[in-house]
């Protein structure tokens, strides 16, 4: 499945891998733009998670997992 095939308002899980640690965050597709999707920001305790680093040398990998629900039920 391509990113542009993911329907708007669909739930997904963002898997973040950083320095050997993996974290999972629920999110939702809010809009499709060209061949990309915009997702809700990751919030922790009401604050938006930022990937800025002043020290440098940090590599962040992000993977999306689509959650498909049968909307007929």
C-alpha atoms as a PDB file:
ATOM      1  CA  UNK A   1       0.000   0.000   0.000  1.00  0.00           C
ATOM      2  CA  UNK A   2       1.265   3.466  -0.864  1.00  0.00           C
ATOM      3  CA  UNK A   3       0.959   6.451   1.467  1.00  0.00           C
ATOM      4  CA  UNK A   4      -1.481   8.201  -0.855  1.00  0.00           C
ATOM      5  CA  UNK A   5      -3.752   5.122  -0.647  1.00  0.00           C
ATOM      6  CA  UNK A   6      -4.304   5.526   3.098  1.00  0.00           C
ATOM      7  CA  UNK A   7      -7.745   7.055   3.668  1.00  0.00           C
ATOM      8  CA  UNK A   8      -8.101  10.307   5.571  1.00  0.00           C
ATOM      9  CA  UNK A   9      -9.300   9.953   9.177  1.00  0.00           C
ATOM     10  CA  UNK A  10      -7.723   6.474   9.367  1.00  0.00           C
ATOM     11  CA  UNK A  11      -5.915   5.386  12.524  1.00  0.00           C
ATOM     12  CA  UNK A  12      -2.295   4.302  12.369  1.00  0.00           C
ATOM     13  CA  UNK A  13       0.669   3.611  14.624  1.00  0.00           C
ATOM     14  CA  UNK A  14       3.912   5.554  14.289  1.00  0.00           C
ATOM     15  CA  UNK A  15       6.907   3.458  15.269  1.00  0.00           C
ATOM     16  CA  UNK A  16       9.896   5.575  16.219  1.00  0.00           C
ATOM     17  CA  UNK A  17      13.354   4.023  16.401  1.00  0.00           C
ATOM     18  CA  UNK A  18      16.067   6.130  18.013  1.00  0.00           C
ATOM     19  CA  UNK A  19      19.440   5.044  19.375  1.00  0.00           C
ATOM     20  CA  UNK A  20      18.390   1.390  19.432  1.00  0.00           C
ATOM     21  CA  UNK A  21      15.138   2.074  21.332  1.00  0.00           C
ATOM     22  CA  UNK A  22      11.705   1.610  19.741  1.00  0.00           C
ATOM     23  CA  UNK A  23       8.577   3.525  20.686  1.00  0.00           C
ATOM     24  CA  UNK A  24       5.018   3.268  19.319  1.00  0.00           C
ATOM     25  CA  UNK A  25       2.546   6.139  19.205  1.00  0.00           C
ATOM     26  CA  UNK A  26      -1.072   6.070  17.984  1.00  0.00           C
ATOM     27  CA  UNK A  27      -1.984   8.715  15.429  1.00  0.00           C
ATOM     28  CA  UNK A  28      -4.438   9.434  12.624  1.00  0.00           C
ATOM     29  CA  UNK A  29      -4.215  10.577   8.996  1.00  0.00           C
ATOM     30  CA  UNK A  30      -5.638  14.098   8.884  1.00  0.00           C
ATOM     31  CA  UNK A  31      -4.972  15.033   5.249  1.00  0.00           C
ATOM     32  CA  UNK A  32      -3.435  13.708   2.044  1.00  0.00           C
ATOM     33  CA  UNK A  33      -1.085  16.005   0.119  1.00  0.00           C
ATOM     34  CA  UNK A  34       0.252  14.847  -3.262  1.00  0.00           C
ATOM     35  CA  UNK A  35       1.928  11.486  -2.538  1.00  0.00           C
ATOM     36  CA  UNK A  36       2.221  12.079   1.207  1.00  0.00           C
ATOM     37  CA  UNK A  37      -0.007  12.057   4.252  1.00  0.00           C
ATOM     38  CA  UNK A  38      -0.175  14.466   7.159  1.00  0.00           C
ATOM     39  CA  UNK A  39      -0.765  12.816  10.523  1.00  0.00           C
ATOM     40  CA  UNK A  40      -1.817  14.146  13.897  1.00  0.00           C
ATOM     41  CA  UNK A  41       1.186  15.226  15.954  1.00  0.00           C
ATOM     42  CA  UNK A  42       2.487  12.897  18.638  1.00  0.00           C
ATOM     43  CA  UNK A  43       1.461  14.247  22.036  1.00  0.00           C
ATOM     44  CA  UNK A  44       2.922  13.182  25.372  1.00  0.00           C
ATOM     45  CA  UNK A  45       1.303  14.640  28.501  1.00  0.00           C
ATOM     46  CA  UNK A  46      -0.373  17.269  26.333  1.00  0.00           C
ATOM     47  CA  UNK A  47       2.893  18.412  24.693  1.00  0.00           C
ATOM     48  CA  UNK A  48       3.838  17.841  21.051  1.00  0.00           C
ATOM     49  CA  UNK A  49       6.877  15.609  20.568  1.00  0.00           C
ATOM     50  CA  UNK A  50       9.668  17.368  18.675  1.00  0.00           C
ATOM     51  CA  UNK A  51      12.544  15.736  16.798  1.00  0.00           C
ATOM     52  CA  UNK A  52      14.905  18.718  17.121  1.00  0.00           C
ATOM     53  CA  UNK A  53      18.333  18.019  18.581  1.00  0.00           C
ATOM     54  CA  UNK A  54      20.956  20.633  19.391  1.00  0.00           C
ATOM     55  CA  UNK A  55      23.660  17.976  19.968  1.00  0.00           C
ATOM     56  CA  UNK A  56      23.405  16.412  16.515  1.00  0.00           C
ATOM     57  CA  UNK A  57      24.450  12.888  15.743  1.00  0.00           C
ATOM     58  CA  UNK A  58      20.993  11.438  16.473  1.00  0.00           C
ATOM     59  CA  UNK A  59      19.351   9.338  13.773  1.00  0.00           C
ATOM     60  CA  UNK A  60      15.591   8.899  13.935  1.00  0.00           C
ATOM     61  CA  UNK A  61      13.704   6.340  11.826  1.00  0.00           C
ATOM     62  CA  UNK A  62       9.933   6.430  11.567  1.00  0.00           C
ATOM     63  CA  UNK A  63       7.679   3.620  10.343  1.00  0.00           C
ATOM     64  CA  UNK A  64       3.915   3.771   9.885  1.00  0.00           C
ATOM     65  CA  UNK A  65       1.610   0.819  10.572  1.00  0.00           C
ATOM     66  CA  UNK A  66      -1.887   1.105   9.176  1.00  0.00           C
ATOM     67  CA  UNK A  67      -4.753   0.009  11.400  1.00  0.00           C
ATOM     68  CA  UNK A  68      -7.744  -1.169   9.378  1.00  0.00           C
ATOM     69  CA  UNK A  69     -11.114  -1.547  11.062  1.00  0.00           C
ATOM     70  CA  UNK A  70     -14.186  -3.094   9.504  1.00  0.00           C
ATOM     71  CA  UNK A  71     -16.466  -0.057   9.532  1.00  0.00           C
ATOM     72  CA  UNK A  72     -19.439  -2.305   8.719  1.00  0.00           C
ATOM     73  CA  UNK A  73     -19.578  -3.658  12.282  1.00  0.00           C
END
